[in-house]
C-alpha cells in the first residue's frame, strides 16, 4: 500500500550511512506469541 511505501521512504531519508532497518510483521502467528513484541504493536 501507499502508506507502507511512504514509511519506507521516510526511514530511508532518516537512515544514516551504514545504518540498518528492521521490519517486523506482527500478524505472523509465531511472532504473536512474543508478548513483548505484541506490546509494540
PDB file of N, CA and C in Angstrom:
ATOM      1  N   UNK A   1       0.815  -1.205   0.000  1.00  0.00           N
ATOM      2  CA  UNK A   1       0.000   0.000   0.000  1.00  0.00           C
ATOM      3  C   UNK A   1       0.857   1.267   0.000  1.00  0.00           C
ATOM      4  N   UNK A   2       0.255   2.333  -0.346  1.00  0.00           N
ATOM      5  CA  UNK A   2       0.948   3.618  -0.440  1.00  0.00           C
ATOM      6  C   UNK A   2       1.517   4.053   0.913  1.00  0.00           C
ATOM      7  N   UNK A   3       0.799   3.769   1.988  1.00  0.00           N
ATOM      8  CA  UNK A   3       1.267   4.160   3.324  1.00  0.00           C
ATOM      9  C   UNK A   3       2.590   3.458   3.646  1.00  0.00           C
ATOM     10  N   UNK A   4       2.673   2.176   3.349  1.00  0.00           N
ATOM     11  CA  UNK A   4       3.903   1.422   3.611  1.00  0.00           C
ATOM     12  C   UNK A   4       5.069   1.996   2.822  1.00  0.00           C
ATOM     13  N   UNK A   5       4.818   2.353   1.591  1.00  0.00           N
ATOM     14  CA  UNK A   5       5.865   2.927   0.750  1.00  0.00           C
ATOM     15  C   UNK A   5       6.354   4.257   1.324  1.00  0.00           C
ATOM     16  N   UNK A   6       5.439   5.079   1.798  1.00  0.00           N
ATOM     17  CA  UNK A   6       5.815   6.380   2.380  1.00  0.00           C
ATOM     18  C   UNK A   6       6.642   6.185   3.658  1.00  0.00           C
ATOM     19  N   UNK A   7       6.263   5.204   4.450  1.00  0.00           N
ATOM     20  CA  UNK A   7       7.000   4.922   5.687  1.00  0.00           C
ATOM     21  C   UNK A   7       8.423   4.486   5.364  1.00  0.00           C
ATOM     22  N   UNK A   8       8.574   3.608   4.373  1.00  0.00           N
ATOM     23  CA  UNK A   8       9.909   3.159   3.984  1.00  0.00           C
ATOM     24  C   UNK A   8      10.738   4.293   3.389  1.00  0.00           C
ATOM     25  N   UNK A   9      10.114   5.168   2.638  1.00  0.00           N
ATOM     26  CA  UNK A   9      10.823   6.323   2.086  1.00  0.00           C
ATOM     27  C   UNK A   9      11.342   7.218   3.210  1.00  0.00           C
ATOM     28  N   UNK A  10      10.525   7.428   4.234  1.00  0.00           N
ATOM     29  CA  UNK A  10      10.936   8.263   5.364  1.00  0.00           C
ATOM     30  C   UNK A  10      12.050   7.579   6.157  1.00  0.00           C
ATOM     31  N   UNK A  11      11.961   6.267   6.323  1.00  0.00           N
ATOM     32  CA  UNK A  11      13.019   5.533   7.016  1.00  0.00           C
ATOM     33  C   UNK A  11      14.337   5.667   6.260  1.00  0.00           C
ATOM     34  N   UNK A  12      14.289   5.568   4.948  1.00  0.00           N
ATOM     35  CA  UNK A  12      15.487   5.726   4.128  1.00  0.00           C
ATOM     36  C   UNK A  12      16.055   7.140   4.259  1.00  0.00           C
ATOM     37  N   UNK A  13      15.189   8.122   4.316  1.00  0.00           N
ATOM     38  CA  UNK A  13      15.634   9.509   4.454  1.00  0.00           C
ATOM     39  C   UNK A  13      16.353   9.726   5.789  1.00  0.00           C
ATOM     40  N   UNK A  14      15.846   9.110   6.853  1.00  0.00           N
ATOM     41  CA  UNK A  14      16.401   9.309   8.188  1.00  0.00           C
ATOM     42  C   UNK A  14      17.605   8.419   8.485  1.00  0.00           C
ATOM     43  N   UNK A  15      17.767   7.365   7.730  1.00  0.00           N
ATOM     44  CA  UNK A  15      18.816   6.387   7.989  1.00  0.00           C
ATOM     45  C   UNK A  15      20.197   6.975   7.704  1.00  0.00           C
ATOM     46  N   UNK A  16      21.112   6.772   8.639  1.00  0.00           N
ATOM     47  CA  UNK A  16      22.478   7.243   8.423  1.00  0.00           C
ATOM     48  C   UNK A  16      23.243   6.218   7.591  1.00  0.00           C
ATOM     49  N   UNK A  17      24.338   6.641   7.017  1.00  0.00           N
ATOM     50  CA  UNK A  17      25.163   5.752   6.206  1.00  0.00           C
ATOM     51  C   UNK A  17      25.604   4.551   7.036  1.00  0.00           C
ATOM     52  N   UNK A  18      25.386   3.358   6.524  1.00  0.00           N
ATOM     53  CA  UNK A  18      25.743   2.138   7.242  1.00  0.00           C
ATOM     54  C   UNK A  18      24.685   1.700   8.239  1.00  0.00           C
ATOM     55  N   UNK A  19      23.584   2.459   8.345  1.00  0.00           N
ATOM     56  CA  UNK A  19      22.515   2.115   9.279  1.00  0.00           C
ATOM     57  C   UNK A  19      21.702   0.923   8.796  1.00  0.00           C
ATOM     58  N   UNK A  20      20.838   0.424   9.640  1.00  0.00           N
ATOM     59  CA  UNK A  20      20.009  -0.735   9.320  1.00  0.00           C
ATOM     60  C   UNK A  20      18.559  -0.463   9.687  1.00  0.00           C
ATOM     61  N   UNK A  21      17.661  -1.138   8.986  1.00  0.00           N
ATOM     62  CA  UNK A  21      16.228  -1.049   9.271  1.00  0.00           C
ATOM     63  C   UNK A  21      15.724  -2.457   9.561  1.00  0.00           C
ATOM     64  N   UNK A  22      14.925  -2.598  10.594  1.00  0.00           N
ATOM     65  CA  UNK A  22      14.317  -3.879  10.936  1.00  0.00           C
ATOM     66  C   UNK A  22      12.822  -3.770  10.687  1.00  0.00           C
ATOM     67  N   UNK A  23      12.288  -4.697   9.904  1.00  0.00           N
ATOM     68  CA  UNK A  23      10.856  -4.704   9.600  1.00  0.00           C
ATOM     69  C   UNK A  23      10.262  -5.970  10.196  1.00  0.00           C
ATOM     70  N   UNK A  24       9.272  -5.794  11.066  1.00  0.00           N
ATOM     71  CA  UNK A  24       8.601  -6.929  11.696  1.00  0.00           C
ATOM     72  C   UNK A  24       7.159  -7.010  11.218  1.00  0.00           C
ATOM     73  N   UNK A  25       6.711  -8.217  10.938  1.00  0.00           N
ATOM     74  CA  UNK A  25       5.325  -8.451  10.551  1.00  0.00           C
ATOM     75  C   UNK A  25       4.587  -8.983  11.772  1.00  0.00           C
ATOM     76  N   UNK A  26       3.845  -8.131  12.440  1.00  0.00           N
ATOM     77  CA  UNK A  26       3.156  -8.505  13.668  1.00  0.00           C
ATOM     78  C   UNK A  26       1.987  -9.439  13.482  1.00  0.00           C
ATOM     79  N   UNK A  27       1.632  -9.758  12.249  1.00  0.00           N
ATOM     80  CA  UNK A  27       0.487 -10.637  12.020  1.00  0.00           C
ATOM     81  C   UNK A  27       0.887 -12.106  11.910  1.00  0.00           C
ATOM     82  N   UNK A  28       2.176 -12.418  11.979  1.00  0.00           N
ATOM     83  CA  UNK A  28       2.615 -13.808  11.894  1.00  0.00           C
ATOM     84  C   UNK A  28       2.315 -14.525  13.200  1.00  0.00           C
ATOM     85  N   UNK A  29       1.768 -15.725  13.100  1.00  0.00           N
ATOM     86  CA  UNK A  29       1.350 -16.488  14.280  1.00  0.00           C
ATOM     87  C   UNK A  29       2.504 -16.716  15.255  1.00  0.00           C
ATOM     88  N   UNK A  30       3.679 -17.017  14.761  1.00  0.00           N
ATOM     89  CA  UNK A  30       4.825 -17.269  15.640  1.00  0.00           C
ATOM     90  C   UNK A  30       5.190 -16.033  16.441  1.00  0.00           C
ATOM     91  N   UNK A  31       5.190 -14.888  15.785  1.00  0.00           N
ATOM     92  CA  UNK A  31       5.557 -13.649  16.474  1.00  0.00           C
ATOM     93  C   UNK A  31       4.481 -13.205  17.460  1.00  0.00           C
ATOM     94  N   UNK A  32       3.241 -13.585  17.220  1.00  0.00           N
ATOM     95  CA  UNK A  32       2.154 -13.181  18.120  1.00  0.00           C
ATOM     96  C   UNK A  32       2.308 -13.777  19.509  1.00  0.00           C
ATOM     97  N   UNK A  33       3.114 -14.827  19.633  1.00  0.00           N
ATOM     98  CA  UNK A  33       3.314 -15.469  20.934  1.00  0.00           C
ATOM     99  C   UNK A  33       4.338 -14.723  21.788  1.00  0.00           C
ATOM    100  N   UNK A  34       5.064 -13.792  21.198  1.00  0.00           N
ATOM    101  CA  UNK A  34       6.044 -12.996  21.946  1.00  0.00           C
ATOM    102  C   UNK A  34       5.331 -11.766  22.511  1.00  0.00           C
ATOM    103  N   UNK A  35       4.988 -11.824  23.794  1.00  0.00           N
ATOM    104  CA  UNK A  35       4.198 -10.737  24.392  1.00  0.00           C
ATOM    105  C   UNK A  35       4.910  -9.392  24.326  1.00  0.00           C
ATOM    106  N   UNK A  36       6.243  -9.390  24.499  1.00  0.00           N
ATOM    107  CA  UNK A  36       6.983  -8.127  24.434  1.00  0.00           C
ATOM    108  C   UNK A  36       6.847  -7.495  23.058  1.00  0.00           C
ATOM    109  N   UNK A  37       6.784  -8.336  22.029  1.00  0.00           N
ATOM    110  CA  UNK A  37       6.658  -7.826  20.670  1.00  0.00           C
ATOM    111  C   UNK A  37       5.247  -7.291  20.424  1.00  0.00           C
ATOM    112  N   UNK A  38       4.256  -7.962  20.953  1.00  0.00           N
ATOM    113  CA  UNK A  38       2.876  -7.515  20.767  1.00  0.00           C
ATOM    114  C   UNK A  38       2.618  -6.195  21.483  1.00  0.00           C
ATOM    115  N   UNK A  39       3.387  -5.915  22.543  1.00  0.00           N
ATOM    116  CA  UNK A  39       3.266  -4.619  23.219  1.00  0.00           C
ATOM    117  C   UNK A  39       3.655  -3.478  22.284  1.00  0.00           C
ATOM    118  N   UNK A  40       4.577  -3.747  21.356  1.00  0.00           N
ATOM    119  CA  UNK A  40       4.992  -2.733  20.384  1.00  0.00           C
ATOM    120  C   UNK A  40       3.847  -2.435  19.425  1.00  0.00           C
ATOM    121  N   UNK A  41       3.167  -3.479  18.978  1.00  0.00           N
ATOM    122  CA  UNK A  41       2.081  -3.318  18.024  1.00  0.00           C
ATOM    123  C   UNK A  41       0.801  -2.956  18.742  1.00  0.00           C
TER     124      UNK A  41
END
